[in-house]
Protein backbone atom coordinates (compact mmCIF):
# COMPACT_ATOMS: atom_id res chain seq x y z
CA MET A 1 -134.99 -4.56 143.11
CA PRO A 2 -137.08 -4.22 146.34
CA PRO A 3 -138.71 -0.98 145.88
CA GLY A 4 -136.51 2.37 147.16
CA HIS A 5 -133.33 0.42 145.26
CA PRO A 6 -131.75 2.02 142.48
CA THR A 7 -132.10 -0.07 139.96
CA ASN A 8 -128.64 -1.80 138.08
CA ARG A 9 -129.08 0.74 134.65
CA GLU A 10 -129.27 3.86 137.62
CA ILE A 11 -126.65 2.10 139.93
CA LYS A 12 -124.37 2.03 137.04
CA SER A 13 -125.35 5.68 135.87
CA LEU A 14 -124.15 6.52 138.91
CA VAL A 15 -121.13 4.56 139.05
CA VAL A 16 -119.95 6.02 135.55
CA GLU A 17 -120.46 9.91 136.64
CA ARG A 18 -118.48 9.53 139.46
CA LEU A 19 -115.49 7.83 137.36
CA LYS A 20 -115.97 10.93 135.31
CA GLU A 21 -116.16 13.56 137.98
CA ASN A 22 -113.39 11.51 140.05
CA PRO A 23 -109.65 13.47 138.99
CA HIS A 24 -107.83 10.52 139.65
CA THR A 25 -110.26 8.16 137.38
CA GLN A 26 -111.00 10.61 134.51
CA GLY A 27 -109.63 10.43 131.46
CA TYR A 28 -109.47 6.31 132.00
CA ASP A 29 -111.32 4.22 129.95
CA ILE A 30 -113.25 1.61 133.19
CA ARG A 31 -116.05 -0.58 132.29
CA VAL A 32 -119.24 -0.61 134.89
CA ASP A 33 -121.53 -3.53 134.88
CA VAL A 34 -124.12 -3.80 137.42
CA LYS A 35 -125.82 -7.20 137.84
CA ARG A 36 -127.76 -7.47 140.69
CA ALA A 37 -126.47 -4.20 142.59
CA VAL A 38 -123.32 -5.90 142.71
CA VAL A 39 -120.77 -3.51 140.61
CA VAL A 40 -118.32 -5.09 138.57
CA LEU A 41 -114.88 -2.82 137.33
CA GLY A 42 -113.02 -4.17 134.42
CA GLY A 43 -109.95 -1.91 132.29
CA GLU A 44 -106.76 -1.29 133.37
CA VAL A 45 -105.62 2.59 134.79
CA SER A 46 -101.88 3.72 135.19
CA SER A 47 -101.49 3.76 139.26
CA TRP A 48 -102.73 2.72 141.91
CA LEU A 49 -104.44 5.30 143.38
CA ALA A 50 -106.07 5.50 140.06
CA LYS A 51 -107.53 1.70 141.37
CA ARG A 52 -108.43 3.28 144.68
CA ALA A 53 -110.17 6.10 143.94
CA ALA A 54 -112.27 3.99 140.63
CA GLY A 55 -112.62 1.29 143.94
CA ASP A 56 -114.33 4.00 146.50
CA ASP A 57 -115.82 5.31 143.62
CA ALA A 58 -117.87 2.21 142.91
CA TRP A 59 -119.03 1.65 147.23
CA THR A 60 -122.03 3.09 147.78
CA PRO A 61 -122.06 6.29 146.40
CA ARG A 62 -123.17 8.32 148.26
CA GLU A 63 -126.50 9.32 146.62
CA TRP A 64 -127.85 6.13 147.46
CA LEU A 65 -127.60 5.93 151.44
CA THR A 66 -129.71 9.49 150.76
CA SER A 67 -132.43 8.07 148.74
CA ALA A 68 -132.68 5.23 151.46
CA THR A 69 -132.80 7.25 154.60
CA ASN A 70 -135.32 9.33 152.95
């Protein structure tokens, strides 16, 4: 990773935390894998809304934007 960008481990940690905090994805066993800064989610959810919420949580977490602009 270029300097100033989050590592794969940091990205995974941020996404997992967001999934745990999101009321639409809490309680689901959603796997998060990150390779070369690409997030891949796995698992099953019971609704389209939960699927969409998980995808939204994995797409450019706001913490990255803050660190990239500072």
